Amino acid sequence: MAPRRRTLTLPAIGLLGACAAPEERADALREAFESSRASLVAIGPASAAPPIVPALARPLPVATNPAAPRPAAAVELLGLGPDLLRRWLGEPAFRRREGSAEIWLYAGPACALDVILYPQAGHLRVAHAAARASGTEARTEAHCLGELAGLSRATGRGA
């Protein structure tokens, strides 16, 4: 009986050890977010390598006409500078520096917009933008951007 008990006990101990790691990771993530020290580096895999800054294949277009129609898709934000972005959408609800980049979050009642600005030729430019629904109702990017722009006008956060 002793050999059989040992063969059942060893896998059970291994399973218990495997269960501890995700809980510790979840606790660490929760603490980082609650303390406002969350970082893309903290939630990624541990690595001794320096963070990778994406190299752009071509320079991003620089939008300069604030009178142009507001973008209907997140991809149309690419290349915008912080000033024009603020004029169209107001101040972000959340803003954080990540090395030489900045991460901005615009949050509305039913959607959110994540924007990452990287330096290009000495100035920050939008290199990534993604809109997402924050509830169960389906939202298009155009509806989300319109909602965020309307929110900025209603609260006086933008032009």
N, C-alpha and C. Protein backbone atom coordinates (compact mmCIF):
# COMPACT_ATOMS: atom_id res chain seq x y z
N MET A 1 0.80 -1.21 0.00
CA MET A 1 0.00 0.00 0.00
C MET A 1 0.84 1.28 0.00
N ALA A 2 1.98 1.25 0.64
CA ALA A 2 2.80 2.46 0.74
C ALA A 2 3.24 2.97 -0.63
N PRO A 3 3.68 2.12 -1.59
CA PRO A 3 4.08 2.65 -2.90
C PRO A 3 2.93 3.31 -3.64
N ARG A 4 1.74 2.75 -3.55
CA ARG A 4 0.60 3.34 -4.26
C ARG A 4 0.24 4.70 -3.67
N ARG A 5 0.27 4.81 -2.35
CA ARG A 5 -0.05 6.07 -1.69
C ARG A 5 0.95 7.14 -2.12
N ARG A 6 2.20 6.77 -2.24
CA ARG A 6 3.23 7.71 -2.65
C ARG A 6 2.99 8.19 -4.09
N THR A 7 2.55 7.32 -4.97
CA THR A 7 2.32 7.72 -6.36
C THR A 7 1.12 8.64 -6.47
N LEU A 8 0.18 8.56 -5.56
CA LEU A 8 -0.96 9.48 -5.57
C LEU A 8 -0.63 10.79 -4.88
N THR A 9 0.23 10.76 -3.88
CA THR A 9 0.56 11.95 -3.11
C THR A 9 1.44 12.91 -3.90
N LEU A 10 2.43 12.40 -4.62
CA LEU A 10 3.35 13.28 -5.35
C LEU A 10 2.64 14.14 -6.39
N PRO A 11 1.74 13.59 -7.24
CA PRO A 11 1.04 14.46 -8.19
C PRO A 11 0.14 15.49 -7.49
N ALA A 12 -0.45 15.10 -6.36
CA ALA A 12 -1.31 16.04 -5.63
C ALA A 12 -0.50 17.20 -5.10
N ILE A 13 0.71 16.94 -4.61
CA ILE A 13 1.57 18.02 -4.12
C ILE A 13 1.97 18.94 -5.28
N GLY A 14 2.27 18.36 -6.42
CA GLY A 14 2.61 19.17 -7.60
C GLY A 14 1.47 20.08 -8.02
N LEU A 15 0.24 19.58 -7.95
CA LEU A 15 -0.92 20.40 -8.31
C LEU A 15 -1.09 21.56 -7.34
N LEU A 16 -0.85 21.31 -6.06
CA LEU A 16 -0.97 22.40 -5.08
C LEU A 16 0.05 23.50 -5.35
N GLY A 17 1.26 23.12 -5.70
CA GLY A 17 2.29 24.11 -6.01
C GLY A 17 1.94 24.92 -7.25
N ALA A 18 1.33 24.30 -8.23
CA ALA A 18 0.94 25.00 -9.46
C ALA A 18 -0.16 26.00 -9.19
N CYS A 19 -0.99 25.74 -8.21
CA CYS A 19 -2.11 26.64 -7.90
C CYS A 19 -1.64 27.91 -7.20
N ALA A 20 -0.51 27.87 -6.53
CA ALA A 20 -0.05 29.02 -5.75
C ALA A 20 0.44 30.15 -6.66
N ALA A 21 1.07 29.84 -7.76
CA ALA A 21 1.66 30.88 -8.61
C ALA A 21 0.64 31.85 -9.17
N PRO A 22 -0.49 31.41 -9.77
CA PRO A 22 -1.45 32.38 -10.31
C PRO A 22 -2.05 33.28 -9.24
N GLU A 23 -2.25 32.73 -8.03
CA GLU A 23 -2.82 33.54 -6.96
C GLU A 23 -1.84 34.63 -6.53
N GLU A 24 -0.56 34.29 -6.43
CA GLU A 24 0.45 35.28 -6.08
C GLU A 24 0.54 36.35 -7.16
N ARG A 25 0.46 35.93 -8.44
CA ARG A 25 0.51 36.88 -9.55
C ARG A 25 -0.69 37.80 -9.50
N ALA A 26 -1.87 37.24 -9.22
CA ALA A 26 -3.09 38.06 -9.14
C ALA A 26 -2.98 39.06 -8.00
N ASP A 27 -2.43 38.63 -6.85
CA ASP A 27 -2.25 39.55 -5.72
C ASP A 27 -1.29 40.68 -6.07
N ALA A 28 -0.21 40.33 -6.77
CA ALA A 28 0.77 41.35 -7.16
C ALA A 28 0.16 42.34 -8.15
N LEU A 29 -0.62 41.85 -9.11
CA LEU A 29 -1.28 42.75 -10.07
C LEU A 29 -2.27 43.66 -9.37
N ARG A 30 -3.07 43.08 -8.47
CA ARG A 30 -4.06 43.88 -7.75
C ARG A 30 -3.38 44.99 -6.96
N GLU A 31 -2.29 44.64 -6.24
CA GLU A 31 -1.57 45.64 -5.46
C GLU A 31 -1.00 46.74 -6.36
N ALA A 32 -0.44 46.37 -7.50
CA ALA A 32 0.15 47.36 -8.41
C ALA A 32 -0.91 48.32 -8.93
N PHE A 33 -2.06 47.78 -9.33
CA PHE A 33 -3.11 48.65 -9.86
C PHE A 33 -3.72 49.53 -8.78
N GLU A 34 -3.94 48.98 -7.59
CA GLU A 34 -4.53 49.76 -6.51
C GLU A 34 -3.60 50.85 -6.02
N SER A 35 -2.29 50.63 -6.10
CA SER A 35 -1.34 51.63 -5.61
C SER A 35 -0.95 52.61 -6.72
N SER A 36 -1.56 52.50 -7.89
CA SER A 36 -1.29 53.36 -9.04
C SER A 36 0.14 53.23 -9.53
N ARG A 37 0.78 52.11 -9.25
CA ARG A 37 2.14 51.88 -9.73
C ARG A 37 2.15 50.83 -10.82
N ALA A 38 0.99 50.57 -11.41
CA ALA A 38 0.93 49.56 -12.45
C ALA A 38 1.79 49.98 -13.63
N SER A 39 2.40 49.02 -14.24
CA SER A 39 3.27 49.28 -15.38
C SER A 39 3.11 48.16 -16.37
N LEU A 40 3.29 48.47 -17.62
CA LEU A 40 3.26 47.41 -18.63
C LEU A 40 4.34 46.39 -18.34
N VAL A 41 5.44 46.84 -17.78
CA VAL A 41 6.53 45.94 -17.45
C VAL A 41 6.11 45.01 -16.31
N ALA A 42 5.37 45.53 -15.34
CA ALA A 42 4.98 44.74 -14.17
C ALA A 42 4.03 43.62 -14.53
N ILE A 43 3.19 43.82 -15.53
CA ILE A 43 2.22 42.78 -15.86
C ILE A 43 2.70 41.84 -16.94
N GLY A 44 3.87 42.13 -17.48
CA GLY A 44 4.44 41.25 -18.50
C GLY A 44 5.35 40.23 -17.85
N PRO A 45 5.89 39.32 -18.64
CA PRO A 45 6.80 38.32 -18.08
C PRO A 45 8.08 38.98 -17.60
N ALA A 46 8.62 38.43 -16.53
CA ALA A 46 9.87 38.97 -15.98
C ALA A 46 10.99 38.75 -16.98
N SER A 47 11.80 39.78 -17.19
CA SER A 47 12.88 39.68 -18.16
C SER A 47 13.97 40.64 -17.76
N ALA A 48 15.19 40.22 -17.96
CA ALA A 48 16.32 41.09 -17.67
C ALA A 48 16.63 42.02 -18.83
N ALA A 49 16.01 41.77 -19.97
CA ALA A 49 16.27 42.59 -21.16
C ALA A 49 15.60 43.95 -21.02
N PRO A 50 16.19 44.99 -21.58
CA PRO A 50 15.56 46.31 -21.53
C PRO A 50 14.27 46.30 -22.34
N PRO A 51 13.32 47.20 -22.01
CA PRO A 51 12.07 47.24 -22.77
C PRO A 51 12.33 47.57 -24.24
N ILE A 52 11.53 46.99 -25.09
CA ILE A 52 11.67 47.19 -26.53
C ILE A 52 10.76 48.33 -26.96
N VAL A 53 11.32 49.31 -27.60
CA VAL A 53 10.54 50.41 -28.15
C VAL A 53 10.33 50.09 -29.62
N PRO A 54 9.05 50.00 -30.05
CA PRO A 54 8.82 49.62 -31.44
C PRO A 54 9.43 50.63 -32.41
N ALA A 55 10.08 50.11 -33.41
CA ALA A 55 10.64 50.97 -34.46
C ALA A 55 9.57 51.14 -35.53
N LEU A 56 9.30 52.35 -35.88
CA LEU A 56 8.29 52.61 -36.89
C LEU A 56 8.91 52.45 -38.27
N ALA A 57 8.22 51.73 -39.13
CA ALA A 57 8.73 51.48 -40.47
C ALA A 57 8.81 52.77 -41.28
N ARG A 58 7.89 53.67 -41.03
CA ARG A 58 7.88 54.93 -41.75
C ARG A 58 7.45 56.01 -40.76
N PRO A 59 7.82 57.24 -40.98
CA PRO A 59 7.38 58.29 -40.06
C PRO A 59 5.87 58.39 -40.05
N LEU A 60 5.33 58.65 -38.88
CA LEU A 60 3.89 58.82 -38.77
C LEU A 60 3.48 60.15 -39.39
N PRO A 61 2.30 60.21 -40.01
CA PRO A 61 1.86 61.49 -40.56
C PRO A 61 1.57 62.46 -39.42
N VAL A 62 1.82 63.70 -39.68
CA VAL A 62 1.59 64.73 -38.67
C VAL A 62 0.34 65.51 -39.06
N ALA A 63 -0.70 65.37 -38.25
CA ALA A 63 -1.94 66.09 -38.51
C ALA A 63 -1.79 67.51 -37.96
N THR A 64 -2.12 68.49 -38.77
CA THR A 64 -1.93 69.88 -38.34
C THR A 64 -3.20 70.71 -38.45
N ASN A 65 -4.25 70.18 -39.05
CA ASN A 65 -5.46 70.96 -39.29
C ASN A 65 -6.53 70.64 -38.25
N PRO A 66 -6.65 71.44 -37.17
CA PRO A 66 -7.65 71.16 -36.15
C PRO A 66 -9.08 71.35 -36.65
N ALA A 67 -9.27 72.04 -37.78
CA ALA A 67 -10.61 72.24 -38.31
C ALA A 67 -11.08 71.03 -39.11
N ALA A 68 -10.18 70.10 -39.38
CA ALA A 68 -10.56 68.89 -40.12
C ALA A 68 -11.58 68.10 -39.31
N PRO A 69 -12.38 67.30 -39.99
CA PRO A 69 -13.37 66.51 -39.25
C PRO A 69 -12.69 65.62 -38.22
N ARG A 70 -13.35 65.46 -37.10
CA ARG A 70 -12.79 64.60 -36.06
C ARG A 70 -12.75 63.17 -36.55
N PRO A 71 -11.77 62.41 -36.13
CA PRO A 71 -11.62 61.05 -36.62
C PRO A 71 -12.80 60.16 -36.24
N ALA A 72 -13.13 59.24 -37.13
CA ALA A 72 -14.21 58.29 -36.88
C ALA A 72 -13.65 56.91 -36.55
N ALA A 73 -12.34 56.75 -36.64
CA ALA A 73 -11.70 55.47 -36.34
C ALA A 73 -10.41 55.75 -35.58
N ALA A 74 -10.06 54.85 -34.67
CA ALA A 74 -8.86 55.04 -33.86
C ALA A 74 -7.60 55.15 -34.72
N VAL A 75 -7.57 54.46 -35.85
CA VAL A 75 -6.39 54.50 -36.72
C VAL A 75 -6.15 55.92 -37.25
N GLU A 76 -7.18 56.72 -37.34
CA GLU A 76 -7.03 58.09 -37.82
C GLU A 76 -6.32 58.99 -36.80
N LEU A 77 -6.14 58.50 -35.58
CA LEU A 77 -5.43 59.27 -34.56
C LEU A 77 -3.91 59.13 -34.70
N LEU A 78 -3.47 58.13 -35.45
CA LEU A 78 -2.03 57.90 -35.61
C LEU A 78 -1.34 59.13 -36.17
N GLY A 79 -0.26 59.52 -35.53
CA GLY A 79 0.51 60.67 -35.97
C GLY A 79 0.11 61.97 -35.31
N LEU A 80 -1.01 62.01 -34.61
CA LEU A 80 -1.42 63.25 -33.95
C LEU A 80 -0.47 63.56 -32.80
N GLY A 81 -0.27 64.84 -32.56
CA GLY A 81 0.49 65.28 -31.40
C GLY A 81 -0.45 65.47 -30.22
N PRO A 82 0.10 65.62 -29.03
CA PRO A 82 -0.71 65.77 -27.82
C PRO A 82 -1.66 66.97 -27.86
N ASP A 83 -1.23 68.08 -28.43
CA ASP A 83 -2.08 69.27 -28.44
C ASP A 83 -3.37 69.06 -29.24
N LEU A 84 -3.25 68.52 -30.44
CA LEU A 84 -4.43 68.29 -31.26
C LEU A 84 -5.32 67.20 -30.64
N LEU A 85 -4.71 66.20 -30.08
CA LEU A 85 -5.47 65.15 -29.40
C LEU A 85 -6.30 65.74 -28.26
N ARG A 86 -5.68 66.63 -27.49
CA ARG A 86 -6.40 67.29 -26.40
C ARG A 86 -7.52 68.19 -26.92
N ARG A 87 -7.26 68.89 -28.04
CA ARG A 87 -8.31 69.75 -28.61
C ARG A 87 -9.52 68.94 -29.03
N TRP A 88 -9.28 67.76 -29.60
CA TRP A 88 -10.38 66.93 -30.08
C TRP A 88 -11.07 66.15 -28.98
N LEU A 89 -10.27 65.62 -28.03
CA LEU A 89 -10.83 64.71 -27.03
C LEU A 89 -10.72 65.20 -25.59
N GLY A 90 -10.06 66.32 -25.37
CA GLY A 90 -9.90 66.83 -24.03
C GLY A 90 -8.75 66.15 -23.30
N GLU A 91 -8.68 66.38 -22.01
CA GLU A 91 -7.63 65.75 -21.20
C GLU A 91 -7.99 64.29 -20.96
N PRO A 92 -7.01 63.42 -20.99
CA PRO A 92 -7.30 62.01 -20.71
C PRO A 92 -7.68 61.81 -19.24
N ALA A 93 -8.46 60.76 -18.99
CA ALA A 93 -8.84 60.44 -17.62
C ALA A 93 -7.64 59.91 -16.85
N PHE A 94 -6.70 59.32 -17.55
CA PHE A 94 -5.52 58.73 -16.93
C PHE A 94 -4.34 58.94 -17.87
N ARG A 95 -3.20 59.24 -17.29
CA ARG A 95 -2.00 59.49 -18.09
C ARG A 95 -0.79 58.98 -17.30
N ARG A 96 0.08 58.22 -17.99
CA ARG A 96 1.24 57.66 -17.30
C ARG A 96 2.43 57.63 -18.25
N ARG A 97 3.61 57.95 -17.71
CA ARG A 97 4.86 57.85 -18.47
C ARG A 97 5.39 56.44 -18.38
N GLU A 98 5.86 55.92 -19.50
CA GLU A 98 6.52 54.61 -19.58
C GLU A 98 7.81 54.83 -20.35
N GLY A 99 8.89 55.13 -19.66
CA GLY A 99 10.14 55.45 -20.33
C GLY A 99 9.97 56.74 -21.10
N SER A 100 10.25 56.73 -22.40
CA SER A 100 10.10 57.93 -23.22
C SER A 100 8.70 58.05 -23.80
N ALA A 101 7.86 57.04 -23.60
CA ALA A 101 6.49 57.04 -24.13
C ALA A 101 5.50 57.52 -23.06
N GLU A 102 4.29 57.83 -23.50
CA GLU A 102 3.20 58.16 -22.59
C GLU A 102 1.99 57.32 -22.96
N ILE A 103 1.28 56.86 -21.95
CA ILE A 103 0.05 56.10 -22.15
C ILE A 103 -1.10 56.96 -21.65
N TRP A 104 -2.08 57.17 -22.51
CA TRP A 104 -3.25 57.97 -22.16
C TRP A 104 -4.47 57.07 -22.24
N LEU A 105 -5.40 57.27 -21.31
CA LEU A 105 -6.67 56.55 -21.33
C LEU A 105 -7.80 57.58 -21.30
N TYR A 106 -8.66 57.51 -22.28
CA TYR A 106 -9.89 58.30 -22.30
C TYR A 106 -11.02 57.35 -21.93
N ALA A 107 -11.83 57.73 -20.96
CA ALA A 107 -12.90 56.84 -20.50
C ALA A 107 -14.24 57.57 -20.58
N GLY A 108 -15.19 56.95 -21.25
CA GLY A 108 -16.55 57.44 -21.32
C GLY A 108 -17.47 56.48 -20.58
N PRO A 109 -18.76 56.77 -20.57
CA PRO A 109 -19.69 55.89 -19.86
C PRO A 109 -19.78 54.49 -20.46
N ALA A 110 -19.57 54.35 -21.76
CA ALA A 110 -19.74 53.04 -22.39
C ALA A 110 -18.54 52.58 -23.22
N CYS A 111 -17.47 53.36 -23.24
CA CYS A 111 -16.30 52.94 -24.01
C CYS A 111 -15.05 53.61 -23.46
N ALA A 112 -13.92 53.10 -23.92
CA ALA A 112 -12.63 53.67 -23.51
C ALA A 112 -11.72 53.69 -24.73
N LEU A 113 -10.76 54.58 -24.70
CA LEU A 113 -9.79 54.71 -25.79
C LEU A 113 -8.40 54.70 -25.17
N ASP A 114 -7.59 53.73 -25.59
CA ASP A 114 -6.20 53.64 -25.16
C ASP A 114 -5.32 54.28 -26.23
N VAL A 115 -4.45 55.17 -25.82
CA VAL A 115 -3.56 55.87 -26.75
C VAL A 115 -2.13 55.78 -26.21
N ILE A 116 -1.21 55.41 -27.08
CA ILE A 116 0.21 55.38 -26.69
C ILE A 116 0.95 56.33 -27.61
N LEU A 117 1.66 57.27 -27.00
CA LEU A 117 2.43 58.26 -27.74
C LEU A 117 3.91 57.96 -27.57
N TYR A 118 4.63 57.93 -28.68
CA TYR A 118 6.07 57.72 -28.68
C TYR A 118 6.74 58.95 -29.27
N PRO A 119 7.98 59.23 -28.83
CA PRO A 119 8.68 60.37 -29.42
C PRO A 119 9.08 60.08 -30.86
N GLN A 120 8.89 61.07 -31.69
CA GLN A 120 9.32 61.00 -33.09
C GLN A 120 9.85 62.38 -33.46
N ALA A 121 11.07 62.44 -33.88
CA ALA A 121 11.73 63.71 -34.25
C ALA A 121 11.61 64.72 -33.11
N GLY A 122 11.75 64.25 -31.88
CA GLY A 122 11.75 65.14 -30.73
C GLY A 122 10.39 65.51 -30.18
N HIS A 123 9.30 65.00 -30.78
CA HIS A 123 7.95 65.32 -30.31
C HIS A 123 7.14 64.05 -30.14
N LEU A 124 6.24 64.05 -29.17
CA LEU A 124 5.38 62.90 -28.98
C LEU A 124 4.33 62.84 -30.09
N ARG A 125 4.09 61.64 -30.60
CA ARG A 125 3.08 61.39 -31.62
C ARG A 125 2.35 60.10 -31.28
N VAL A 126 1.06 60.04 -31.62
CA VAL A 126 0.28 58.83 -31.38
C VAL A 126 0.83 57.72 -32.28
N ALA A 127 1.25 56.62 -31.65
CA ALA A 127 1.76 55.47 -32.39
C ALA A 127 0.80 54.29 -32.29
N HIS A 128 -0.11 54.33 -31.32
CA HIS A 128 -1.09 53.26 -31.16
C HIS A 128 -2.35 53.86 -30.55
N ALA A 129 -3.49 53.46 -31.07
CA ALA A 129 -4.78 53.89 -30.52
C ALA A 129 -5.77 52.75 -30.70
N ALA A 130 -6.51 52.44 -29.64
CA ALA A 130 -7.49 51.35 -29.71
C ALA A 130 -8.70 51.71 -28.86
N ALA A 131 -9.87 51.68 -29.48
CA ALA A 131 -11.12 51.95 -28.77
C ALA A 131 -11.74 50.60 -28.39
N ARG A 132 -12.42 50.59 -27.24
CA ARG A 132 -13.08 49.36 -26.80
C ARG A 132 -14.32 49.70 -25.99
N ALA A 133 -15.30 48.83 -26.08
CA ALA A 133 -16.53 48.99 -25.30
C ALA A 133 -16.21 48.64 -23.85
N SER A 134 -16.82 49.36 -22.91
CA SER A 134 -16.58 49.05 -21.50
C SER A 134 -17.77 48.35 -20.87
N GLY A 135 -18.77 48.05 -21.65
CA GLY A 135 -19.92 47.31 -21.15
C GLY A 135 -20.26 46.18 -22.09
N THR A 136 -21.48 45.71 -22.00
CA THR A 136 -21.89 44.59 -22.85
C THR A 136 -22.47 45.04 -24.19
N GLU A 137 -22.83 46.31 -24.29
CA GLU A 137 -23.41 46.83 -25.54
C GLU A 137 -22.31 47.04 -26.59
N ALA A 138 -22.59 46.59 -27.80
CA ALA A 138 -21.62 46.76 -28.90
C ALA A 138 -21.49 48.25 -29.25
N ARG A 139 -20.27 48.67 -29.50
CA ARG A 139 -19.97 50.06 -29.87
C ARG A 139 -19.01 50.05 -31.05
N THR A 140 -19.23 50.95 -31.98
CA THR A 140 -18.26 51.12 -33.05
C THR A 140 -17.21 52.11 -32.57
N GLU A 141 -16.06 52.12 -33.24
CA GLU A 141 -15.03 53.10 -32.90
C GLU A 141 -15.56 54.51 -33.13
N ALA A 142 -16.30 54.71 -34.22
CA ALA A 142 -16.83 56.04 -34.52
C ALA A 142 -17.74 56.51 -33.40
N HIS A 143 -18.60 55.63 -32.91
CA HIS A 143 -19.50 56.00 -31.82
C HIS A 143 -18.71 56.33 -30.55
N CYS A 144 -17.70 55.52 -30.27
CA CYS A 144 -16.88 55.74 -29.08
C CYS A 144 -16.15 57.08 -29.17
N LEU A 145 -15.49 57.34 -30.30
CA LEU A 145 -14.76 58.61 -30.45
C LEU A 145 -15.71 59.80 -30.38
N GLY A 146 -16.89 59.66 -30.98
CA GLY A 146 -17.88 60.73 -30.90
C GLY A 146 -18.34 60.96 -29.47
N GLU A 147 -18.54 59.86 -28.75
CA GLU A 147 -18.95 59.97 -27.34
C GLU A 147 -17.87 60.67 -26.51
N LEU A 148 -16.62 60.29 -26.72
CA LEU A 148 -15.52 60.91 -25.96
C LEU A 148 -15.35 62.39 -26.34
N ALA A 149 -15.49 62.71 -27.61
CA ALA A 149 -15.38 64.12 -28.05
C ALA A 149 -16.54 64.92 -27.47
N GLY A 150 -17.74 64.35 -27.48
CA GLY A 150 -18.91 65.03 -26.91
C GLY A 150 -18.75 65.23 -25.41
N LEU A 151 -18.17 64.24 -24.74
CA LEU A 151 -17.93 64.35 -23.31
C LEU A 151 -16.95 65.47 -23.01
N SER A 152 -15.91 65.60 -23.85
CA SER A 152 -14.91 66.66 -23.62
C SER A 152 -15.54 68.03 -23.83
N ARG A 153 -16.44 68.16 -24.80
CA ARG A 153 -17.11 69.45 -25.02
C ARG A 153 -18.06 69.76 -23.87
N ALA A 154 -18.79 68.75 -23.39
CA ALA A 154 -19.76 68.96 -22.31
C ALA A 154 -19.08 69.33 -20.99
N THR A 155 -17.89 68.79 -20.76
CA THR A 155 -17.19 69.07 -19.50
C THR A 155 -16.16 70.18 -19.63
N GLY A 156 -15.97 70.69 -20.86
CA GLY A 156 -15.00 71.76 -21.08
C GLY A 156 -13.57 71.26 -21.07
N ARG A 157 -13.35 69.94 -21.30
CA ARG A 157 -12.00 69.38 -21.30
C ARG A 157 -11.30 69.56 -22.64
N GLY A 158 -12.01 69.94 -23.67
CA GLY A 158 -11.39 70.09 -25.00
C GLY A 158 -12.05 71.20 -25.75
N ALA A 159 -11.73 71.32 -27.05
CA ALA A 159 -12.29 72.39 -27.87
C ALA A 159 -13.67 72.04 -28.36
